[in-house]
Amino acid sequence: MGRAAEMTGTTAGFLRTLGEHGLITPLRSEGGHRRFSRYQLRIAMRARDLVDEGTAVDAACRIIILEDQLEEALRINEQLREGRPAGQSSAADT
């Protein structure tokens, strides 16, 4: 947790708060330590940026969730335009 906080320029408490708001859910090691993916670390940094700009933590989490949903919807829309089923990736996606 300390290393993840250091890497993201936040505190362990901030990362825990993001978890409480459902933004990130780290895996747990056998010893009970939180393990964050690179994607989760990027999400935490995005949340930190929003909070640094004056956005409340709960609002920052909601913004990021909505941005993620929009990105997924745009990706699916593009696949459907290309005539591919929504779950099928193209050669450009790989």
C-alpha atoms as a PDB file:
ATOM      1  CA  MET A   1       0.000   0.000   0.000  1.00  0.00           C
ATOM      2  CA  GLY A   2       2.804   2.396   0.865  1.00  0.00           C
ATOM      3  CA  ARG A   3       4.585   1.709  -2.410  1.00  0.00           C
ATOM      4  CA  ALA A   4       1.380   2.239  -4.405  1.00  0.00           C
ATOM      5  CA  ALA A   5       0.778   5.525  -2.578  1.00  0.00           C
ATOM      6  CA  GLU A   6       4.333   6.612  -3.329  1.00  0.00           C
ATOM      7  CA  MET A   7       3.996   5.688  -7.009  1.00  0.00           C
ATOM      8  CA  THR A   8       0.760   7.649  -7.375  1.00  0.00           C
ATOM      9  CA  GLY A   9       1.784  10.652  -5.301  1.00  0.00           C
ATOM     10  CA  THR A  10      -1.015  10.013  -2.820  1.00  0.00           C
ATOM     11  CA  THR A  11      -1.389   8.533   0.652  1.00  0.00           C
ATOM     12  CA  ALA A  12      -2.479   5.080   1.743  1.00  0.00           C
ATOM     13  CA  GLY A  13      -5.598   6.700   3.203  1.00  0.00           C
ATOM     14  CA  PHE A  14      -6.460   8.234  -0.155  1.00  0.00           C
ATOM     15  CA  LEU A  15      -6.136   4.836  -1.853  1.00  0.00           C
ATOM     16  CA  ARG A  16      -8.337   3.274   0.823  1.00  0.00           C
ATOM     17  CA  THR A  17     -10.926   6.003   0.220  1.00  0.00           C
ATOM     18  CA  LEU A  18     -10.934   5.238  -3.500  1.00  0.00           C
ATOM     19  CA  GLY A  19     -11.572   1.614  -2.589  1.00  0.00           C
ATOM     20  CA  GLU A  20     -14.430   2.586  -0.285  1.00  0.00           C
ATOM     21  CA  HIS A  21     -16.035   4.499  -3.164  1.00  0.00           C
ATOM     22  CA  GLY A  22     -15.693   1.447  -5.410  1.00  0.00           C
ATOM     23  CA  LEU A  23     -13.250   3.077  -7.816  1.00  0.00           C
ATOM     24  CA  ILE A  24     -10.426   0.589  -7.312  1.00  0.00           C
ATOM     25  CA  THR A  25     -10.469  -2.870  -5.774  1.00  0.00           C
ATOM     26  CA  PRO A  26      -6.972  -4.213  -5.278  1.00  0.00           C
ATOM     27  CA  LEU A  27      -6.328  -7.919  -5.069  1.00  0.00           C
ATOM     28  CA  ARG A  28      -4.992  -9.301  -1.800  1.00  0.00           C
ATOM     29  CA  SER A  29      -1.833 -11.346  -1.419  1.00  0.00           C
ATOM     30  CA  GLU A  30      -1.825 -14.448   0.759  1.00  0.00           C
ATOM     31  CA  GLY A  31      -0.360 -12.263   3.490  1.00  0.00           C
ATOM     32  CA  GLY A  32      -3.267  -9.807   3.177  1.00  0.00           C
ATOM     33  CA  HIS A  33      -1.335  -7.056   1.385  1.00  0.00           C
ATOM     34  CA  ARG A  34      -3.161  -5.021  -1.238  1.00  0.00           C
ATOM     35  CA  ARG A  35      -1.896  -5.500  -4.792  1.00  0.00           C
ATOM     36  CA  PHE A  36      -2.760  -2.793  -7.315  1.00  0.00           C
ATOM     37  CA  SER A  37      -2.676  -3.244 -11.079  1.00  0.00           C
ATOM     38  CA  ARG A  38      -1.078  -0.636 -13.324  1.00  0.00           C
ATOM     39  CA  TYR A  39      -4.548   0.313 -14.511  1.00  0.00           C
ATOM     40  CA  GLN A  40      -5.675   0.893 -10.918  1.00  0.00           C
ATOM     41  CA  LEU A  41      -2.617   3.043 -10.271  1.00  0.00           C
ATOM     42  CA  ARG A  42      -3.443   5.145 -13.348  1.00  0.00           C
ATOM     43  CA  ILE A  43      -7.022   5.507 -12.107  1.00  0.00           C
ATOM     44  CA  ALA A  44      -5.738   6.596  -8.679  1.00  0.00           C
ATOM     45  CA  MET A  45      -3.515   9.224 -10.308  1.00  0.00           C
ATOM     46  CA  ARG A  46      -6.469  10.511 -12.341  1.00  0.00           C
ATOM     47  CA  ALA A  47      -8.511  10.771  -9.127  1.00  0.00           C
ATOM     48  CA  ARG A  48      -5.638  12.583  -7.421  1.00  0.00           C
ATOM     49  CA  ASP A  49      -5.491  15.086 -10.291  1.00  0.00           C
ATOM     50  CA  LEU A  50      -9.226  15.773 -10.045  1.00  0.00           C
ATOM     51  CA  VAL A  51      -9.058  16.186  -6.268  1.00  0.00           C
ATOM     52  CA  ASP A  52      -6.027  18.472  -6.614  1.00  0.00           C
ATOM     53  CA  GLU A  53      -8.157  20.625  -8.954  1.00  0.00           C
ATOM     54  CA  GLY A  54     -10.782  20.965  -6.216  1.00  0.00           C
ATOM     55  CA  THR A  55     -13.179  18.128  -7.037  1.00  0.00           C
ATOM     56  CA  ALA A  56     -14.587  16.236  -4.056  1.00  0.00           C
ATOM     57  CA  VAL A  57     -13.370  12.619  -3.804  1.00  0.00           C
ATOM     58  CA  ASP A  58     -16.821  11.116  -4.296  1.00  0.00           C
ATOM     59  CA  ALA A  59     -17.417  13.314  -7.356  1.00  0.00           C
ATOM     60  CA  ALA A  60     -13.968  12.456  -8.756  1.00  0.00           C
ATOM     61  CA  CYS A  61     -14.741   8.750  -8.419  1.00  0.00           C
ATOM     62  CA  ARG A  62     -18.059   9.185 -10.211  1.00  0.00           C
ATOM     63  CA  ILE A  63     -16.435  11.214 -13.000  1.00  0.00           C
ATOM     64  CA  ILE A  64     -13.817   8.517 -13.574  1.00  0.00           C
ATOM     65  CA  ILE A  65     -16.421   5.743 -13.568  1.00  0.00           C
ATOM     66  CA  LEU A  66     -18.484   7.654 -16.129  1.00  0.00           C
ATOM     67  CA  GLU A  67     -15.408   8.330 -18.281  1.00  0.00           C
ATOM     68  CA  ASP A  68     -14.621   4.612 -18.243  1.00  0.00           C
ATOM     69  CA  GLN A  69     -18.203   3.723 -19.193  1.00  0.00           C
ATOM     70  CA  LEU A  70     -18.155   6.255 -22.030  1.00  0.00           C
ATOM     71  CA  GLU A  71     -14.875   4.869 -23.373  1.00  0.00           C
ATOM     72  CA  GLU A  72     -16.322   1.348 -23.352  1.00  0.00           C
ATOM     73  CA  ALA A  73     -19.537   2.490 -25.058  1.00  0.00           C
ATOM     74  CA  LEU A  74     -17.554   4.290 -27.766  1.00  0.00           C
ATOM     75  CA  ARG A  75     -15.432   1.180 -28.314  1.00  0.00           C
ATOM     76  CA  ILE A  76     -18.523  -1.013 -28.672  1.00  0.00           C
ATOM     77  CA  ASN A  77     -20.162   1.530 -30.974  1.00  0.00           C
ATOM     78  CA  GLU A  78     -17.084   1.531 -33.230  1.00  0.00           C
ATOM     79  CA  GLN A  79     -17.091  -2.265 -33.364  1.00  0.00           C
ATOM     80  CA  LEU A  80     -20.747  -2.312 -34.337  1.00  0.00           C
ATOM     81  CA  ARG A  81     -20.136   0.291 -37.051  1.00  0.00           C
ATOM     82  CA  GLU A  82     -17.438  -1.967 -38.470  1.00  0.00           C
ATOM     83  CA  GLY A  83     -19.894  -4.856 -38.500  1.00  0.00           C
ATOM     84  CA  ARG A  84     -18.131  -6.828 -35.781  1.00  0.00           C
ATOM     85  CA  PRO A  85     -19.940  -8.305 -32.788  1.00  0.00           C
ATOM     86  CA  ALA A  86     -19.431  -6.104 -29.696  1.00  0.00           C
ATOM     87  CA  GLY A  87     -17.083  -8.555 -27.969  1.00  0.00           C
ATOM     88  CA  GLN A  88     -14.873  -9.272 -30.983  1.00  0.00           C
ATOM     89  CA  SER A  89     -11.609  -7.369 -31.329  1.00  0.00           C
ATOM     90  CA  SER A  90     -10.073  -6.288 -34.609  1.00  0.00           C
ATOM     91  CA  ALA A  91      -6.470  -6.694 -35.700  1.00  0.00           C
ATOM     92  CA  ALA A  92      -5.950  -3.030 -34.734  1.00  0.00           C
ATOM     93  CA  ASP A  93      -7.169  -3.756 -31.170  1.00  0.00           C
ATOM     94  CA  THR A  94      -4.509  -6.422 -30.554  1.00  0.00           C
END
